[in-house]
N, C-alpha and C. Protein backbone atom coordinates (compact mmCIF):
# COMPACT_ATOMS: atom_id res chain seq x y z
N MET A 1 36.95 6.73 -25.92
CA MET A 1 36.74 7.86 -26.80
C MET A 1 37.40 7.51 -28.16
N ALA A 2 36.81 7.95 -29.15
CA ALA A 2 37.33 7.79 -30.49
C ALA A 2 38.29 9.01 -30.87
N VAL A 3 39.51 8.90 -30.37
CA VAL A 3 40.44 10.00 -30.52
C VAL A 3 40.60 10.39 -31.95
N ARG A 4 40.52 9.39 -32.86
CA ARG A 4 40.62 9.66 -34.33
C ARG A 4 39.63 10.65 -34.82
N ASP A 5 38.37 10.45 -34.55
CA ASP A 5 37.32 11.33 -34.88
C ASP A 5 37.42 12.67 -34.29
N VAL A 6 37.83 12.75 -33.09
CA VAL A 6 37.98 14.00 -32.35
C VAL A 6 39.10 14.86 -33.02
N VAL A 7 40.18 14.19 -33.24
CA VAL A 7 41.31 14.91 -33.89
C VAL A 7 40.88 15.44 -35.29
N LEU A 8 40.19 14.63 -36.06
CA LEU A 8 39.74 15.09 -37.38
C LEU A 8 38.83 16.28 -37.21
N ALA A 9 37.89 16.19 -36.27
CA ALA A 9 36.96 17.39 -36.07
C ALA A 9 37.64 18.56 -35.67
N LEU A 10 38.66 18.42 -34.85
CA LEU A 10 39.47 19.70 -34.42
C LEU A 10 40.20 20.30 -35.61
N LEU A 11 40.56 19.46 -36.52
CA LEU A 11 41.19 19.92 -37.79
C LEU A 11 40.25 20.58 -38.80
N ALA A 12 38.97 20.35 -38.55
CA ALA A 12 37.99 20.95 -39.43
C ALA A 12 37.90 22.40 -39.36
N LYS A 13 38.26 22.98 -38.30
CA LYS A 13 38.32 24.43 -38.11
C LYS A 13 39.46 25.08 -38.95
N GLU A 14 40.62 24.47 -38.72
CA GLU A 14 41.86 24.98 -39.39
C GLU A 14 42.95 23.99 -39.31
N PRO A 15 43.89 24.03 -40.16
CA PRO A 15 45.06 23.09 -40.07
C PRO A 15 45.83 23.36 -38.79
N ALA A 16 46.49 22.37 -38.22
CA ALA A 16 47.22 22.60 -36.95
C ALA A 16 48.31 21.54 -36.87
N HIS A 17 49.21 21.72 -35.91
CA HIS A 17 50.23 20.76 -35.67
C HIS A 17 49.81 20.01 -34.41
N GLY A 18 50.56 18.98 -34.07
CA GLY A 18 50.18 18.06 -33.01
C GLY A 18 49.97 18.76 -31.62
N TYR A 19 50.97 19.62 -31.36
CA TYR A 19 51.00 20.34 -30.02
C TYR A 19 49.68 21.19 -29.92
N GLN A 20 49.30 21.90 -31.03
CA GLN A 20 48.11 22.75 -30.96
C GLN A 20 46.86 21.86 -30.78
N LEU A 21 46.81 20.67 -31.39
CA LEU A 21 45.63 19.79 -31.24
C LEU A 21 45.60 19.31 -29.84
N GLY A 22 46.72 18.94 -29.25
CA GLY A 22 46.74 18.49 -27.84
C GLY A 22 46.25 19.63 -26.89
N ALA A 23 46.66 20.78 -27.19
CA ALA A 23 46.27 21.95 -26.29
C ALA A 23 44.75 22.14 -26.51
N ARG A 24 44.22 22.05 -27.70
CA ARG A 24 42.74 22.18 -27.90
C ARG A 24 42.01 21.16 -27.06
N LEU A 25 42.51 19.95 -27.19
CA LEU A 25 41.82 18.83 -26.42
C LEU A 25 41.86 19.08 -24.88
N ARG A 26 43.04 19.44 -24.50
CA ARG A 26 43.15 19.73 -23.01
C ARG A 26 42.24 20.89 -22.57
N ALA A 27 42.10 21.90 -23.41
CA ALA A 27 41.23 23.06 -23.04
C ALA A 27 39.76 22.58 -23.08
N ALA A 28 39.42 21.70 -24.03
CA ALA A 28 37.98 21.26 -24.20
C ALA A 28 37.59 20.34 -22.96
N LEU A 29 38.64 19.57 -22.39
CA LEU A 29 38.31 18.57 -21.45
C LEU A 29 38.52 19.15 -20.02
N GLY A 30 39.12 20.32 -19.90
CA GLY A 30 39.32 20.86 -18.62
C GLY A 30 40.16 19.98 -17.76
N PRO A 31 39.85 19.77 -16.51
CA PRO A 31 40.70 18.88 -15.60
C PRO A 31 40.84 17.50 -16.14
N LEU A 32 39.86 16.97 -16.85
CA LEU A 32 39.92 15.60 -17.40
C LEU A 32 41.04 15.49 -18.41
N GLY A 33 41.39 16.65 -19.03
CA GLY A 33 42.37 16.59 -20.11
C GLY A 33 43.82 16.56 -19.54
N GLU A 34 43.99 16.73 -18.28
CA GLU A 34 45.42 16.82 -17.67
C GLU A 34 46.09 15.38 -17.90
N SER A 35 45.30 14.29 -17.98
CA SER A 35 45.89 12.97 -18.13
C SER A 35 46.12 12.56 -19.55
N LEU A 36 45.74 13.46 -20.51
CA LEU A 36 45.90 13.19 -21.91
C LEU A 36 47.33 12.91 -22.31
N ASN A 37 47.54 11.80 -22.98
CA ASN A 37 48.89 11.40 -23.44
C ASN A 37 49.18 12.07 -24.77
N ALA A 38 50.12 13.00 -24.71
CA ALA A 38 50.47 13.77 -25.95
C ALA A 38 50.92 12.96 -27.04
N GLY A 39 51.64 11.81 -26.72
CA GLY A 39 52.04 10.85 -27.78
C GLY A 39 50.88 10.20 -28.56
N GLN A 40 49.76 10.09 -27.91
CA GLN A 40 48.61 9.43 -28.57
C GLN A 40 48.14 10.43 -29.80
N ILE A 41 48.31 11.66 -29.60
CA ILE A 41 47.83 12.62 -30.72
C ILE A 41 48.73 12.37 -31.93
N TYR A 42 50.09 12.19 -31.73
CA TYR A 42 50.98 12.00 -32.79
C TYR A 42 50.82 10.65 -33.52
N VAL A 43 50.54 9.67 -32.72
CA VAL A 43 50.28 8.34 -33.22
C VAL A 43 49.05 8.36 -34.08
N THR A 44 48.03 9.00 -33.61
CA THR A 44 46.71 9.19 -34.29
C THR A 44 46.90 9.96 -35.62
N LEU A 45 47.68 11.01 -35.61
CA LEU A 45 47.87 11.85 -36.77
C LEU A 45 48.66 10.97 -37.80
N ALA A 46 49.63 10.18 -37.39
CA ALA A 46 50.31 9.28 -38.33
C ALA A 46 49.37 8.30 -38.99
N ARG A 47 48.50 7.75 -38.18
CA ARG A 47 47.58 6.78 -38.67
C ARG A 47 46.49 7.44 -39.67
N LEU A 48 46.02 8.68 -39.27
CA LEU A 48 45.11 9.43 -40.16
C LEU A 48 45.72 9.77 -41.51
N GLU A 49 47.06 10.09 -41.49
CA GLU A 49 47.87 10.44 -42.63
C GLU A 49 47.93 9.16 -43.54
N LYS A 50 48.27 8.03 -42.98
CA LYS A 50 48.36 6.82 -43.65
C LYS A 50 47.07 6.39 -44.27
N ALA A 51 46.04 6.69 -43.60
CA ALA A 51 44.60 6.33 -44.10
C ALA A 51 44.06 7.30 -45.08
N GLY A 52 44.82 8.40 -45.36
CA GLY A 52 44.42 9.43 -46.36
C GLY A 52 43.38 10.34 -45.92
N LEU A 53 43.22 10.51 -44.52
CA LEU A 53 42.24 11.36 -43.96
C LEU A 53 42.75 12.83 -43.66
N VAL A 54 44.09 12.85 -43.52
CA VAL A 54 44.79 14.13 -43.35
C VAL A 54 46.01 14.20 -44.19
N SER A 55 46.41 15.37 -44.56
CA SER A 55 47.73 15.49 -45.24
C SER A 55 48.59 16.30 -44.35
N ALA A 56 49.93 16.21 -44.53
CA ALA A 56 50.86 16.86 -43.65
C ALA A 56 51.76 17.74 -44.52
N GLU A 57 52.18 18.85 -43.95
CA GLU A 57 53.11 19.75 -44.68
C GLU A 57 54.14 20.20 -43.62
N ARG A 58 55.37 20.13 -43.95
CA ARG A 58 56.45 20.60 -43.01
C ARG A 58 56.45 22.10 -42.96
N ALA A 59 56.51 22.61 -41.74
CA ALA A 59 56.65 24.05 -41.57
C ALA A 59 57.97 24.33 -40.83
N PRO A 60 58.82 25.23 -41.23
CA PRO A 60 60.05 25.46 -40.58
C PRO A 60 59.81 25.94 -39.17
N GLY A 61 60.60 25.35 -38.32
CA GLY A 61 60.65 25.68 -36.89
C GLY A 61 61.45 26.89 -36.57
N LEU A 62 61.47 27.28 -35.31
CA LEU A 62 62.33 28.36 -34.88
C LEU A 62 63.78 27.92 -34.89
N PRO A 63 64.71 28.82 -34.80
CA PRO A 63 66.15 28.38 -34.83
C PRO A 63 66.54 27.40 -33.74
N ASP A 64 65.89 27.39 -32.65
CA ASP A 64 66.22 26.45 -31.52
C ASP A 64 65.19 25.29 -31.51
N ARG A 65 64.29 25.18 -32.50
CA ARG A 65 63.29 24.06 -32.51
C ARG A 65 63.24 23.44 -33.87
N PRO A 66 62.83 22.18 -33.83
CA PRO A 66 62.73 21.44 -35.06
C PRO A 66 61.57 21.89 -35.98
N ASP A 67 61.63 21.46 -37.24
CA ASP A 67 60.41 21.68 -38.12
C ASP A 67 59.26 21.04 -37.58
N ARG A 68 58.07 21.59 -37.84
CA ARG A 68 56.81 21.00 -37.33
C ARG A 68 55.96 20.56 -38.55
N LYS A 69 55.20 19.49 -38.33
CA LYS A 69 54.30 19.10 -39.40
C LYS A 69 52.93 19.80 -39.10
N THR A 70 52.35 20.40 -40.08
CA THR A 70 51.07 21.02 -39.96
C THR A 70 50.10 20.06 -40.74
N TYR A 71 49.05 19.66 -40.03
CA TYR A 71 48.07 18.71 -40.56
C TYR A 71 46.81 19.42 -41.01
N ALA A 72 46.26 18.97 -42.16
CA ALA A 72 45.01 19.47 -42.72
C ALA A 72 44.11 18.32 -43.14
N LEU A 73 42.81 18.50 -43.13
CA LEU A 73 41.85 17.43 -43.63
C LEU A 73 41.95 17.29 -45.11
N THR A 74 41.82 16.10 -45.59
CA THR A 74 41.63 15.80 -46.96
C THR A 74 40.15 15.76 -47.30
N PRO A 75 39.75 15.69 -48.50
CA PRO A 75 38.28 15.50 -48.76
C PRO A 75 37.78 14.31 -48.01
N ASP A 76 38.45 13.19 -48.03
CA ASP A 76 37.96 12.03 -47.27
C ASP A 76 37.92 12.29 -45.81
N GLY A 77 38.81 13.06 -45.26
CA GLY A 77 38.77 13.47 -43.82
C GLY A 77 37.52 14.27 -43.57
N GLN A 78 37.27 15.20 -44.42
CA GLN A 78 36.09 16.08 -44.30
C GLN A 78 34.75 15.31 -44.28
N ARG A 79 34.72 14.32 -45.17
CA ARG A 79 33.49 13.41 -45.19
C ARG A 79 33.38 12.68 -43.90
N ARG A 80 34.58 12.17 -43.38
CA ARG A 80 34.44 11.37 -42.10
C ARG A 80 33.99 12.23 -40.97
N VAL A 81 34.54 13.51 -40.97
CA VAL A 81 34.00 14.46 -39.83
C VAL A 81 32.51 14.67 -39.96
N ALA A 82 32.03 14.93 -41.14
CA ALA A 82 30.56 15.09 -41.30
C ALA A 82 29.71 13.88 -40.80
N GLU A 83 30.27 12.65 -41.19
CA GLU A 83 29.61 11.41 -40.79
C GLU A 83 29.62 11.32 -39.21
N TRP A 84 30.74 11.56 -38.62
CA TRP A 84 30.92 11.42 -37.16
C TRP A 84 30.03 12.49 -36.41
N VAL A 85 29.97 13.65 -36.96
CA VAL A 85 29.10 14.67 -36.29
C VAL A 85 27.63 14.27 -36.36
N ALA A 86 27.32 13.59 -37.36
CA ALA A 86 25.89 13.12 -37.52
C ALA A 86 25.54 11.90 -36.79
N GLU A 87 26.49 11.11 -36.37
CA GLU A 87 26.25 9.88 -35.61
C GLU A 87 25.48 10.10 -34.31
N VAL A 88 24.57 9.22 -33.96
CA VAL A 88 24.00 9.24 -32.67
C VAL A 88 24.63 8.16 -31.88
N SER A 89 25.26 8.41 -30.69
CA SER A 89 26.12 7.53 -29.97
C SER A 89 25.43 6.69 -28.92
N TRP A 90 24.16 6.91 -28.73
CA TRP A 90 23.47 6.05 -27.68
C TRP A 90 23.15 4.84 -28.45
N PRO A 91 23.15 3.62 -27.91
CA PRO A 91 22.90 3.30 -26.48
C PRO A 91 24.13 3.19 -25.61
N LYS A 92 25.38 3.24 -26.16
CA LYS A 92 26.58 3.22 -25.37
C LYS A 92 27.28 4.53 -25.45
N PRO A 93 26.79 5.56 -24.77
CA PRO A 93 27.37 6.86 -24.96
C PRO A 93 28.80 6.98 -24.40
N ASP A 94 29.68 7.58 -24.99
CA ASP A 94 30.91 8.04 -24.41
C ASP A 94 30.78 9.51 -24.18
N LEU A 95 30.49 9.89 -22.92
CA LEU A 95 30.20 11.22 -22.59
C LEU A 95 31.37 12.18 -22.99
N THR A 96 32.57 11.75 -22.85
CA THR A 96 33.64 12.59 -23.23
C THR A 96 33.71 12.84 -24.72
N GLU A 97 33.52 11.73 -25.45
CA GLU A 97 33.44 11.91 -26.99
C GLU A 97 32.37 12.84 -27.35
N PHE A 98 31.14 12.66 -26.79
CA PHE A 98 29.92 13.55 -27.21
C PHE A 98 30.29 14.92 -26.78
N HIS A 99 30.87 15.20 -25.57
CA HIS A 99 31.25 16.54 -25.21
C HIS A 99 32.23 17.22 -26.23
N LEU A 100 33.30 16.47 -26.62
CA LEU A 100 34.16 16.92 -27.61
C LEU A 100 33.57 17.09 -28.97
N LYS A 101 32.53 16.26 -29.30
CA LYS A 101 31.90 16.49 -30.54
C LYS A 101 31.12 17.85 -30.52
N LEU A 102 30.55 18.20 -29.41
CA LEU A 102 29.88 19.60 -29.31
C LEU A 102 30.88 20.71 -29.42
N VAL A 103 32.02 20.51 -28.79
CA VAL A 103 33.01 21.57 -28.76
C VAL A 103 33.49 21.75 -30.20
N ALA A 104 33.93 20.62 -30.81
CA ALA A 104 34.53 20.65 -32.19
C ALA A 104 33.46 21.19 -33.21
N ALA A 105 32.29 20.69 -33.11
CA ALA A 105 31.21 21.10 -33.97
C ALA A 105 30.96 22.61 -33.93
N ALA A 106 30.97 23.12 -32.77
CA ALA A 106 30.80 24.59 -32.53
C ALA A 106 31.98 25.40 -33.01
N ALA A 107 33.22 24.98 -32.78
CA ALA A 107 34.40 25.67 -33.04
C ALA A 107 34.53 25.78 -34.54
N ALA A 108 34.29 24.66 -35.26
CA ALA A 108 34.51 24.64 -36.75
C ALA A 108 33.22 24.94 -37.50
N ARG A 109 32.18 25.23 -36.74
CA ARG A 109 30.86 25.48 -37.34
C ARG A 109 30.37 24.37 -38.26
N LEU A 110 30.56 23.13 -37.75
CA LEU A 110 30.15 21.95 -38.48
C LEU A 110 28.76 21.64 -38.33
N ALA A 111 28.21 22.01 -37.12
CA ALA A 111 26.80 21.75 -36.80
C ALA A 111 26.47 22.51 -35.47
N ASP A 112 25.20 22.76 -35.35
CA ASP A 112 24.71 23.49 -34.18
C ASP A 112 24.67 22.51 -33.02
N PRO A 113 25.44 22.74 -31.98
CA PRO A 113 25.45 21.87 -30.81
C PRO A 113 24.06 21.56 -30.26
N LEU A 114 23.21 22.54 -30.28
CA LEU A 114 21.81 22.27 -29.79
C LEU A 114 21.10 21.26 -30.61
N ALA A 115 21.37 21.30 -31.95
CA ALA A 115 20.73 20.21 -32.78
C ALA A 115 21.30 18.88 -32.53
N LEU A 116 22.60 18.80 -32.35
CA LEU A 116 23.23 17.51 -31.99
C LEU A 116 22.65 16.97 -30.68
N ILE A 117 22.46 17.88 -29.67
CA ILE A 117 21.92 17.42 -28.38
C ILE A 117 20.49 16.92 -28.62
N ASP A 118 19.67 17.61 -29.37
CA ASP A 118 18.39 17.20 -29.71
C ASP A 118 18.24 15.85 -30.32
N ALA A 119 19.18 15.61 -31.31
CA ALA A 119 19.21 14.35 -32.03
C ALA A 119 19.58 13.15 -31.02
N GLN A 120 20.50 13.45 -30.15
CA GLN A 120 20.79 12.51 -29.06
C GLN A 120 19.63 12.23 -28.07
N ARG A 121 18.93 13.28 -27.81
CA ARG A 121 17.86 13.23 -26.88
C ARG A 121 16.73 12.37 -27.47
N ARG A 122 16.48 12.57 -28.77
CA ARG A 122 15.39 11.76 -29.46
C ARG A 122 15.79 10.30 -29.45
N ALA A 123 17.01 9.93 -29.77
CA ALA A 123 17.41 8.53 -29.72
C ALA A 123 17.36 7.97 -28.22
N LEU A 124 17.71 8.76 -27.29
CA LEU A 124 17.69 8.35 -25.90
C LEU A 124 16.24 8.13 -25.43
N LEU A 125 15.32 9.01 -25.81
CA LEU A 125 13.89 8.88 -25.43
C LEU A 125 13.28 7.64 -26.09
N ARG A 126 13.68 7.27 -27.33
CA ARG A 126 13.23 6.05 -27.95
C ARG A 126 13.70 4.77 -27.11
N ARG A 127 14.93 4.83 -26.74
CA ARG A 127 15.47 3.71 -26.00
C ARG A 127 14.87 3.62 -24.63
N LEU A 128 14.63 4.78 -24.01
CA LEU A 128 13.96 4.76 -22.66
C LEU A 128 12.51 4.23 -22.72
N ARG A 129 11.77 4.64 -23.71
CA ARG A 129 10.43 4.20 -23.92
C ARG A 129 10.46 2.68 -24.08
N ASN A 130 11.30 2.12 -24.91
CA ASN A 130 11.42 0.65 -25.18
C ASN A 130 11.83 -0.10 -23.84
N ALA A 131 12.71 0.45 -23.10
CA ALA A 131 13.16 -0.16 -21.87
C ALA A 131 11.97 -0.13 -20.86
N GLN A 132 11.27 0.92 -20.79
CA GLN A 132 10.17 1.04 -19.83
C GLN A 132 9.06 0.10 -20.21
N LEU A 133 8.72 -0.03 -21.51
CA LEU A 133 7.72 -1.05 -21.99
C LEU A 133 8.13 -2.44 -21.65
N ALA A 134 9.45 -2.81 -21.88
CA ALA A 134 9.97 -4.09 -21.60
C ALA A 134 9.91 -4.42 -20.07
N ALA A 135 10.17 -3.38 -19.24
CA ALA A 135 10.14 -3.51 -17.82
C ALA A 135 8.71 -3.81 -17.32
N LEU A 136 7.76 -3.17 -17.89
CA LEU A 136 6.35 -3.39 -17.58
C LEU A 136 5.88 -4.79 -17.83
N ASP A 137 6.48 -5.44 -18.90
CA ASP A 137 6.06 -6.76 -19.25
C ASP A 137 6.70 -7.82 -18.25
N GLU A 138 7.65 -7.45 -17.46
CA GLU A 138 8.31 -8.43 -16.56
C GLU A 138 7.41 -8.55 -15.24
N PRO A 139 7.45 -9.82 -14.76
CA PRO A 139 6.80 -9.95 -13.48
C PRO A 139 7.57 -9.26 -12.31
N ASP A 140 6.85 -8.87 -11.29
CA ASP A 140 7.47 -8.23 -10.14
C ASP A 140 8.69 -9.10 -9.64
N ASP A 141 9.67 -8.50 -9.18
CA ASP A 141 10.85 -9.18 -8.59
C ASP A 141 11.53 -10.07 -9.51
N SER A 142 11.42 -9.93 -10.85
CA SER A 142 12.17 -10.92 -11.72
C SER A 142 13.62 -10.41 -11.88
N VAL A 143 14.52 -11.30 -12.07
CA VAL A 143 15.90 -10.99 -12.25
C VAL A 143 16.14 -10.04 -13.46
N SER A 144 15.48 -10.40 -14.58
CA SER A 144 15.65 -9.61 -15.81
C SER A 144 15.01 -8.26 -15.56
N GLY A 145 13.98 -8.22 -14.77
CA GLY A 145 13.32 -6.88 -14.42
C GLY A 145 14.27 -5.97 -13.69
N LEU A 146 15.16 -6.56 -12.89
CA LEU A 146 16.09 -5.74 -12.19
C LEU A 146 17.10 -5.12 -13.23
N LEU A 147 17.56 -5.90 -14.20
CA LEU A 147 18.42 -5.41 -15.22
C LEU A 147 17.76 -4.26 -15.99
N LEU A 148 16.46 -4.47 -16.31
CA LEU A 148 15.71 -3.45 -17.06
C LEU A 148 15.63 -2.14 -16.28
N GLU A 149 15.45 -2.30 -14.96
CA GLU A 149 15.38 -1.12 -14.06
C GLU A 149 16.64 -0.38 -14.12
N GLY A 150 17.72 -1.10 -14.13
CA GLY A 150 19.05 -0.43 -14.20
C GLY A 150 19.27 0.28 -15.54
N VAL A 151 18.77 -0.34 -16.62
CA VAL A 151 18.82 0.29 -17.97
C VAL A 151 17.98 1.63 -17.93
N VAL A 152 16.78 1.58 -17.35
CA VAL A 152 15.93 2.74 -17.31
C VAL A 152 16.62 3.84 -16.43
N LEU A 153 17.17 3.46 -15.30
CA LEU A 153 17.88 4.46 -14.48
C LEU A 153 18.96 5.15 -15.15
N ARG A 154 19.80 4.33 -15.94
CA ARG A 154 20.95 4.90 -16.63
C ARG A 154 20.52 5.85 -17.73
N LEU A 155 19.51 5.36 -18.49
CA LEU A 155 18.92 6.28 -19.59
C LEU A 155 18.36 7.60 -18.95
N GLU A 156 17.74 7.49 -17.85
CA GLU A 156 17.23 8.71 -17.28
C GLU A 156 18.41 9.67 -16.86
N ALA A 157 19.45 9.12 -16.30
CA ALA A 157 20.65 9.94 -15.93
C ALA A 157 21.24 10.50 -17.17
N ASP A 158 21.27 9.79 -18.25
CA ASP A 158 21.90 10.32 -19.48
C ASP A 158 21.03 11.50 -20.01
N LEU A 159 19.66 11.33 -19.85
CA LEU A 159 18.82 12.39 -20.30
C LEU A 159 18.96 13.64 -19.50
N ARG A 160 19.16 13.46 -18.16
CA ARG A 160 19.44 14.73 -17.33
C ARG A 160 20.74 15.32 -17.72
N TRP A 161 21.79 14.60 -18.01
CA TRP A 161 23.03 15.10 -18.54
C TRP A 161 22.85 15.92 -19.78
N LEU A 162 22.00 15.35 -20.70
CA LEU A 162 21.76 16.08 -21.94
C LEU A 162 21.07 17.34 -21.68
N GLU A 163 20.17 17.43 -20.68
CA GLU A 163 19.50 18.70 -20.35
C GLU A 163 20.51 19.71 -19.84
N ALA A 164 21.55 19.22 -19.09
CA ALA A 164 22.52 20.11 -18.63
C ALA A 164 23.40 20.64 -19.78
N CYS A 165 23.70 19.79 -20.71
CA CYS A 165 24.41 20.17 -21.97
C CYS A 165 23.59 21.29 -22.72
N GLU A 166 22.33 21.03 -22.84
CA GLU A 166 21.46 22.00 -23.52
C GLU A 166 21.51 23.36 -22.84
N ARG A 167 21.35 23.36 -21.51
CA ARG A 167 21.42 24.69 -20.74
C ARG A 167 22.79 25.32 -21.06
N THR A 168 23.87 24.64 -20.95
CA THR A 168 25.22 25.25 -21.22
C THR A 168 25.33 25.79 -22.60
N TRP A 169 24.92 24.95 -23.58
CA TRP A 169 25.15 25.57 -24.97
C TRP A 169 24.12 26.58 -25.34
N THR A 170 22.98 26.63 -24.71
CA THR A 170 22.01 27.71 -24.89
C THR A 170 22.73 28.96 -24.33
N ARG A 171 23.25 28.91 -23.16
CA ARG A 171 24.03 30.01 -22.63
C ARG A 171 25.18 30.54 -23.51
N GLU A 172 25.94 29.53 -24.05
CA GLU A 172 27.01 29.87 -25.00
C GLU A 172 26.42 30.63 -26.16
N ARG A 173 25.35 30.19 -26.69
CA ARG A 173 24.82 30.85 -27.83
C ARG A 173 24.39 32.27 -27.50
N ALA A 174 23.74 32.41 -26.31
CA ALA A 174 23.31 33.75 -25.86
C ALA A 174 24.52 34.77 -25.66
N ASP A 175 25.61 34.10 -25.13
CA ASP A 175 26.78 34.99 -24.89
C ASP A 175 27.62 35.29 -26.18
N GLY A 176 27.19 34.61 -27.23
CA GLY A 176 27.88 34.96 -28.55
C GLY A 176 29.04 34.08 -28.74
């Protein structure tokens, strides 16, 4: 998963400090987020700041807590988020990253999650058609035909998962 892009997208909604970003990620990932390394968020934020994609401002902490850095997107960071949201991640999908893209895009109103799902589906259907045509050109019981069969099965499974994403986000839209 490209943590860098996910963190940037989570900041598109509003500035936040590292702890808030980690909490948003854990909430978006559900049980899969329990193993999230909080230190990775802070390392990522430092790299993003060094790259000029985020800026940081110190906010005074509570009497018993240290000051916190609040991070916000720079114009370059905003451009990177827009590019990331528009990227089609197949043929090598990272399901977690795509899920987080949908969550972040909806939360910050960067894009319609259903439009992102549709773009992914179109790319997936193109790859599926190409793999099926290539499989038809292979002789029966060929070794490369076996690999192509695996590619077709994987693409079909990814397509079913996108259908599940579409059902969920359609319900989300209906629920407001």
